Every structure is written in C-alpha cells, then in structure tokens.
Amino acid sequence: QVQLVESGGGLVQAGGSLRLSCAASGRSFSDYTVGWFRQAPGKEREFVAAINWGGYSTFYAGFVKGRFTVSRDNAKNTVYLQMSSLKPEDTAVYYCAANRTRTWNQSSFTSDPGYIYWGQGTQVTVSS
C-alpha cells in the first residue's frame, strides 16, 4: 500500500515556475513507476509526465514541449515536477499516481488505468 501526497501548487503569473512534489509513504517506492496527470475544469484528466522506477527514463506529453521536468529522489520517496514557462492553459489540479512495476510501457504509464495509487491533487493556477 502506498499513499501519495502532492504539494507545491499555487498561484503564479504566466511565464513563472513552480515545483510540485509527490511524497510517498510505504516501502519499496523505488519499484514504482510514477506519473503526473492534470485536470482542468470541465475537461478530462490528461497525462503530463512519467518517470520510471530508477529515474533514468522519462516521458512527457507533447504540450510540455521542454517546459516541464520530472525527477525523483528514491531516498526521500519523492517525485518532483518542475514546471517552467507556465501558461494560463496549464491551470489545473495536478495529480501524481504510482504503480508498482518496473515495466516501462508507454500505453500503460500514459493512461489512468496504468496506475493503482493516486494522490489528492494540488491546484496550480496561472494568471495572465
């Protein structure tokens, strides 16, 4: 069992930066693939980024376009999402999700069913 807690959201002006954190409880977090998703008001939840168990493989949604970086510190049981050059359209609730797998399968880590554990979300608001 893993519990995920996101933090670091807030209000930022367009062009600004935020770093989100996803802290995990439980053992063996280094065995988990972790993803970031977001959901804007009135829209479906969408994939943002994912990182593999060891932190050496990452994947991003096309709209990220080099603006976001996902990383992890397994010693701290924490995954980060560094967001830069933020735009008003990045406004959403951001969720982290995890699944205990070392398999790096794009169809899995980019979709909701690929994850078992979810955090409660953190709000990111980007003003124009």
Protein backbone atom coordinates (compact mmCIF):
# COMPACT_ATOMS: atom_id res chain seq x y z
CA GLN A 1 0.00 0.00 0.00
CA VAL A 2 1.29 3.44 -0.95
CA GLN A 3 -0.13 6.81 -0.06
CA LEU A 4 0.74 9.80 -2.21
CA VAL A 5 0.62 13.43 -1.14
CA GLU A 6 1.16 16.26 -3.62
CA SER A 7 2.34 19.72 -2.64
CA GLY A 8 3.80 22.82 -4.20
CA GLY A 9 0.81 24.09 -6.13
CA GLY A 10 -0.30 27.70 -6.02
CA LEU A 11 -0.92 30.86 -7.98
CA VAL A 12 1.76 32.04 -10.37
CA GLN A 13 1.93 34.55 -13.20
CA ALA A 14 2.33 33.44 -16.79
CA GLY A 15 5.97 32.75 -17.52
CA GLY A 16 6.65 31.76 -13.94
CA SER A 17 7.73 28.47 -12.40
CA LEU A 18 6.54 26.02 -9.80
CA ARG A 19 7.89 22.77 -8.45
CA LEU A 20 5.39 20.14 -7.45
CA SER A 21 6.32 17.35 -5.07
CA CYS A 22 4.75 13.93 -4.67
CA ALA A 23 5.70 12.34 -1.37
CA ALA A 24 5.04 8.63 -0.94
CA SER A 25 4.62 6.56 2.17
CA GLY A 26 5.26 2.86 2.28
CA ARG A 27 8.14 0.65 1.38
CA SER A 28 9.81 -0.16 -1.92
CA PHE A 29 8.88 3.11 -3.59
CA SER A 30 11.90 2.64 -5.83
CA ASP A 31 9.97 -0.20 -7.52
CA TYR A 32 7.22 2.17 -8.67
CA THR A 33 6.57 3.93 -11.93
CA VAL A 34 5.19 7.40 -11.17
CA GLY A 35 3.11 9.63 -13.39
CA TRP A 36 1.78 13.17 -13.27
CA PHE A 37 -1.64 14.00 -14.61
CA ARG A 38 -3.77 17.12 -14.60
CA GLN A 39 -7.42 18.01 -14.84
CA ALA A 40 -8.69 21.43 -15.81
CA PRO A 41 -12.27 22.50 -15.04
CA GLY A 42 -14.72 20.87 -17.42
CA LYS A 43 -12.04 18.73 -19.05
CA GLU A 44 -10.91 15.13 -18.86
CA ARG A 45 -7.86 14.27 -16.81
CA GLU A 46 -4.79 14.13 -19.05
CA PHE A 47 -1.31 12.71 -18.83
CA VAL A 48 1.56 15.12 -18.21
CA ALA A 49 4.74 13.18 -17.49
CA ALA A 50 6.05 9.89 -16.15
CA ILE A 51 9.27 8.57 -14.69
CA ASN A 52 10.42 5.01 -14.32
CA TRP A 53 11.43 3.28 -11.10
CA GLY A 54 15.09 4.22 -11.32
CA GLY A 55 14.60 7.74 -12.63
CA TYR A 56 16.57 7.19 -15.80
CA SER A 57 13.59 7.02 -18.17
CA THR A 58 11.07 9.81 -18.55
CA PHE A 59 8.28 10.64 -20.95
CA TYR A 60 6.27 13.79 -21.50
CA ALA A 61 3.05 14.85 -23.13
CA GLY A 62 3.52 16.87 -26.26
CA PHE A 63 2.16 20.07 -24.76
CA VAL A 64 5.02 20.08 -22.23
CA LYS A 65 7.48 20.94 -25.03
CA GLY A 66 10.53 21.09 -22.80
CA ARG A 67 8.90 23.28 -20.16
CA PHE A 68 8.45 20.58 -17.51
CA THR A 69 10.95 18.18 -15.96
CA VAL A 70 10.08 15.13 -13.90
CA SER A 71 12.63 13.69 -11.46
CA ARG A 72 12.74 11.55 -8.38
CA ASP A 73 14.71 11.02 -5.20
CA ASN A 74 14.07 7.47 -4.07
CA ALA A 75 15.98 8.03 -0.85
CA LYS A 76 13.32 10.60 0.03
CA ASN A 77 10.41 8.68 -1.51
CA THR A 78 9.61 11.78 -3.53
CA VAL A 79 8.94 12.59 -7.18
CA TYR A 80 9.10 16.14 -8.49
CA LEU A 81 7.59 18.02 -11.40
CA GLN A 82 9.48 21.20 -12.19
CA MET A 83 7.29 23.45 -14.32
CA SER A 84 8.66 26.50 -16.10
CA SER A 85 7.34 29.00 -18.65
CA LEU A 86 3.87 28.37 -17.30
CA LYS A 87 0.87 29.39 -19.34
CA PRO A 88 -2.73 30.12 -18.30
CA GLU A 89 -3.75 26.89 -20.04
CA ASP A 90 -1.60 24.97 -17.55
CA THR A 91 -4.15 25.85 -14.87
CA ALA A 92 -5.47 22.59 -13.44
CA VAL A 93 -5.42 20.24 -10.49
CA TYR A 94 -2.25 18.20 -10.76
CA TYR A 95 -2.19 14.61 -9.55
CA CYS A 96 0.60 12.15 -9.06
CA ALA A 97 -0.04 8.46 -9.49
CA ALA A 98 2.01 5.32 -8.91
CA ASN A 99 2.07 1.68 -9.85
CA ARG A 100 4.45 -0.96 -8.62
CA THR A 101 6.05 -2.01 -11.87
CA ARG A 102 9.45 -1.78 -13.45
CA THR A 103 7.97 -2.37 -16.88
CA TRP A 104 8.24 0.78 -18.99
CA ASN A 105 5.23 0.57 -21.29
CA GLN A 106 4.03 3.78 -22.88
CA SER A 107 0.43 2.65 -23.28
CA SER A 108 0.35 1.96 -19.53
CA PHE A 109 2.18 4.89 -17.99
CA THR A 110 0.33 7.47 -20.09
CA SER A 111 -3.16 6.35 -19.07
CA ASP A 112 -5.21 6.34 -15.88
CA PRO A 113 -5.64 2.53 -15.75
CA GLY A 114 -1.88 2.17 -15.66
CA TYR A 115 -1.84 3.37 -12.06
CA ILE A 116 -3.20 1.98 -8.84
CA TYR A 117 -2.40 4.70 -6.35
CA TRP A 118 -3.38 8.35 -6.68
CA GLY A 119 -2.81 11.46 -4.64
CA GLN A 120 -5.47 14.00 -3.76
CA GLY A 121 -4.17 16.62 -6.17
CA THR A 122 -2.72 20.10 -5.86
CA GLN A 123 -4.14 23.19 -7.57
CA VAL A 124 -1.99 25.13 -10.00
CA THR A 125 -3.37 28.44 -11.22
CA VAL A 126 -1.53 30.51 -13.81
CA SER A 127 -2.70 34.08 -14.26
CA SER A 128 -2.27 36.01 -17.49
